[in-house]
Amino acid sequence: MIHRLFDAATLAREFDRPDKLLTHPDMIKFVKWVRKKPADYIAWPESTGRYGRNRGARR
């Protein structure tokens, strides 16, 4: 989630500490959402990409 919102340069420049990161409205929303999930919850990416779950299905 973090890298979907910010690139590496922005993280290094503006959000170099967790407390700074948690001041961003989208991160606050994400943290509230993820706290409601069970500890073993896995959110699969929207785009499976090159090594995704259905990689072998298309061959």
N, C-alpha and C. Protein backbone atom coordinates (compact mmCIF):
# COMPACT_ATOMS: atom_id res chain seq x y z
N MET A 1 0.81 -1.19 0.00
CA MET A 1 0.00 0.00 0.00
C MET A 1 0.86 1.26 0.00
N ILE A 2 1.92 1.23 0.76
CA ILE A 2 2.76 2.42 0.86
C ILE A 2 3.33 2.80 -0.49
N HIS A 3 3.81 1.80 -1.23
CA HIS A 3 4.45 2.11 -2.51
C HIS A 3 3.44 2.39 -3.62
N ARG A 4 2.19 2.11 -3.38
CA ARG A 4 1.16 2.54 -4.33
C ARG A 4 0.85 4.02 -4.17
N LEU A 5 1.06 4.54 -2.98
CA LEU A 5 0.78 5.94 -2.71
C LEU A 5 1.99 6.85 -2.96
N PHE A 6 3.17 6.37 -2.61
CA PHE A 6 4.37 7.21 -2.65
C PHE A 6 5.50 6.52 -3.37
N ASP A 7 6.30 7.29 -4.10
CA ASP A 7 7.51 6.72 -4.67
C ASP A 7 8.62 6.76 -3.62
N ALA A 8 9.75 6.13 -3.93
CA ALA A 8 10.83 6.01 -2.96
C ALA A 8 11.39 7.38 -2.55
N ALA A 9 11.48 8.29 -3.50
CA ALA A 9 12.03 9.62 -3.19
C ALA A 9 11.12 10.37 -2.21
N THR A 10 9.82 10.28 -2.41
CA THR A 10 8.88 10.95 -1.51
C THR A 10 8.94 10.35 -0.12
N LEU A 11 9.04 9.02 -0.06
CA LEU A 11 9.15 8.38 1.25
C LEU A 11 10.41 8.83 1.97
N ALA A 12 11.52 8.89 1.26
CA ALA A 12 12.79 9.30 1.88
C ALA A 12 12.76 10.76 2.31
N ARG A 13 12.14 11.60 1.50
CA ARG A 13 12.16 13.04 1.75
C ARG A 13 11.12 13.47 2.79
N GLU A 14 9.89 12.98 2.67
CA GLU A 14 8.79 13.50 3.49
C GLU A 14 8.29 12.55 4.58
N PHE A 15 8.42 11.26 4.36
CA PHE A 15 7.85 10.29 5.30
C PHE A 15 8.93 9.33 5.78
N ASP A 16 9.99 9.89 6.37
CA ASP A 16 11.13 9.09 6.78
C ASP A 16 10.95 8.42 8.15
N ARG A 17 9.83 8.70 8.82
CA ARG A 17 9.53 8.07 10.10
C ARG A 17 8.08 7.60 10.08
N PRO A 18 7.77 6.51 10.79
CA PRO A 18 6.39 6.01 10.81
C PRO A 18 5.36 7.03 11.27
N ASP A 19 5.72 7.85 12.26
CA ASP A 19 4.75 8.83 12.75
C ASP A 19 4.42 9.87 11.68
N LYS A 20 5.36 10.21 10.82
CA LYS A 20 5.07 11.13 9.71
C LYS A 20 4.17 10.47 8.68
N LEU A 21 4.43 9.19 8.42
CA LEU A 21 3.63 8.45 7.44
C LEU A 21 2.17 8.36 7.88
N LEU A 22 1.96 8.21 9.16
CA LEU A 22 0.60 8.06 9.69
C LEU A 22 -0.18 9.38 9.74
N THR A 23 0.42 10.47 9.32
CA THR A 23 -0.31 11.74 9.24
C THR A 23 -1.00 11.92 7.90
N HIS A 24 -0.66 11.10 6.92
CA HIS A 24 -1.27 11.22 5.59
C HIS A 24 -2.68 10.62 5.63
N PRO A 25 -3.68 11.31 5.08
CA PRO A 25 -5.07 10.83 5.16
C PRO A 25 -5.30 9.44 4.55
N ASP A 26 -4.64 9.13 3.45
CA ASP A 26 -4.82 7.81 2.83
C ASP A 26 -4.21 6.70 3.69
N MET A 27 -3.11 6.99 4.38
CA MET A 27 -2.51 5.99 5.26
C MET A 27 -3.36 5.80 6.51
N ILE A 28 -3.95 6.85 7.02
CA ILE A 28 -4.85 6.74 8.17
C ILE A 28 -6.02 5.83 7.81
N LYS A 29 -6.59 6.05 6.64
CA LYS A 29 -7.71 5.23 6.17
C LYS A 29 -7.29 3.77 6.02
N PHE A 30 -6.10 3.52 5.45
CA PHE A 30 -5.61 2.16 5.27
C PHE A 30 -5.38 1.47 6.62
N VAL A 31 -4.78 2.16 7.56
CA VAL A 31 -4.50 1.57 8.87
C VAL A 31 -5.80 1.21 9.58
N LYS A 32 -6.80 2.07 9.49
CA LYS A 32 -8.11 1.76 10.09
C LYS A 32 -8.70 0.52 9.44
N TRP A 33 -8.56 0.41 8.13
CA TRP A 33 -9.10 -0.74 7.40
C TRP A 33 -8.37 -2.03 7.78
N VAL A 34 -7.04 -1.99 7.80
CA VAL A 34 -6.27 -3.21 8.03
C VAL A 34 -6.38 -3.69 9.48
N ARG A 35 -6.63 -2.80 10.42
CA ARG A 35 -6.80 -3.21 11.82
C ARG A 35 -8.02 -4.09 12.01
N LYS A 36 -8.99 -3.98 11.12
CA LYS A 36 -10.22 -4.79 11.22
C LYS A 36 -10.04 -6.20 10.65
N LYS A 37 -8.94 -6.44 9.95
CA LYS A 37 -8.70 -7.73 9.31
C LYS A 37 -8.08 -8.71 10.31
N PRO A 38 -8.34 -10.02 10.11
CA PRO A 38 -7.70 -11.02 10.98
C PRO A 38 -6.19 -11.05 10.75
N ALA A 39 -5.45 -11.56 11.71
CA ALA A 39 -3.99 -11.56 11.64
C ALA A 39 -3.45 -12.35 10.45
N ASP A 40 -4.18 -13.37 10.01
CA ASP A 40 -3.69 -14.19 8.90
C ASP A 40 -4.26 -13.75 7.55
N TYR A 41 -4.83 -12.57 7.47
CA TYR A 41 -5.41 -12.05 6.23
C TYR A 41 -4.32 -11.74 5.21
N ILE A 42 -4.55 -12.17 3.97
CA ILE A 42 -3.63 -11.88 2.87
C ILE A 42 -4.42 -11.19 1.78
N ALA A 43 -4.04 -9.99 1.43
CA ALA A 43 -4.70 -9.24 0.36
C ALA A 43 -3.90 -9.47 -0.92
N TRP A 44 -4.45 -10.24 -1.84
CA TRP A 44 -3.78 -10.47 -3.11
C TRP A 44 -3.82 -9.20 -3.93
N PRO A 45 -2.76 -8.92 -4.67
CA PRO A 45 -2.74 -7.69 -5.48
C PRO A 45 -3.83 -7.70 -6.54
N GLU A 46 -4.30 -6.51 -6.91
CA GLU A 46 -5.33 -6.40 -7.93
C GLU A 46 -4.82 -6.92 -9.27
N SER A 47 -3.61 -6.59 -9.59
CA SER A 47 -2.99 -7.07 -10.81
C SER A 47 -2.04 -8.19 -10.42
N THR A 48 -2.26 -9.38 -10.97
CA THR A 48 -1.44 -10.52 -10.59
C THR A 48 -0.02 -10.38 -11.09
N GLY A 49 0.18 -9.63 -12.15
CA GLY A 49 1.53 -9.36 -12.64
C GLY A 49 2.21 -10.59 -13.23
N ARG A 50 3.49 -10.48 -13.39
CA ARG A 50 4.28 -11.51 -14.06
C ARG A 50 4.29 -12.82 -13.29
N TYR A 51 4.34 -12.78 -11.98
CA TYR A 51 4.43 -13.99 -11.18
C TYR A 51 3.17 -14.19 -10.34
N GLY A 52 2.04 -13.82 -10.87
CA GLY A 52 0.78 -13.87 -10.14
C GLY A 52 0.23 -15.27 -9.95
N ARG A 53 -0.94 -15.31 -9.34
CA ARG A 53 -1.58 -16.58 -8.99
C ARG A 53 -1.93 -17.43 -10.20
N ASN A 54 -2.29 -16.81 -11.32
CA ASN A 54 -2.76 -17.55 -12.49
C ASN A 54 -1.68 -17.69 -13.56
N ARG A 55 -0.44 -17.65 -13.15
CA ARG A 55 0.66 -17.66 -14.10
C ARG A 55 0.64 -18.88 -15.00
N GLY A 56 0.44 -20.06 -14.44
CA GLY A 56 0.47 -21.28 -15.23
C GLY A 56 -0.81 -21.55 -16.00
N ALA A 57 -1.88 -20.88 -15.70
CA ALA A 57 -3.18 -21.15 -16.31
C ALA A 57 -3.22 -20.77 -17.78
N ARG A 58 -2.41 -19.84 -18.21
CA ARG A 58 -2.47 -19.37 -19.59
C ARG A 58 -1.58 -20.16 -20.54
N ARG A 59 -0.81 -21.06 -20.03
CA ARG A 59 0.12 -21.80 -20.89
C ARG A 59 -0.52 -23.00 -21.52
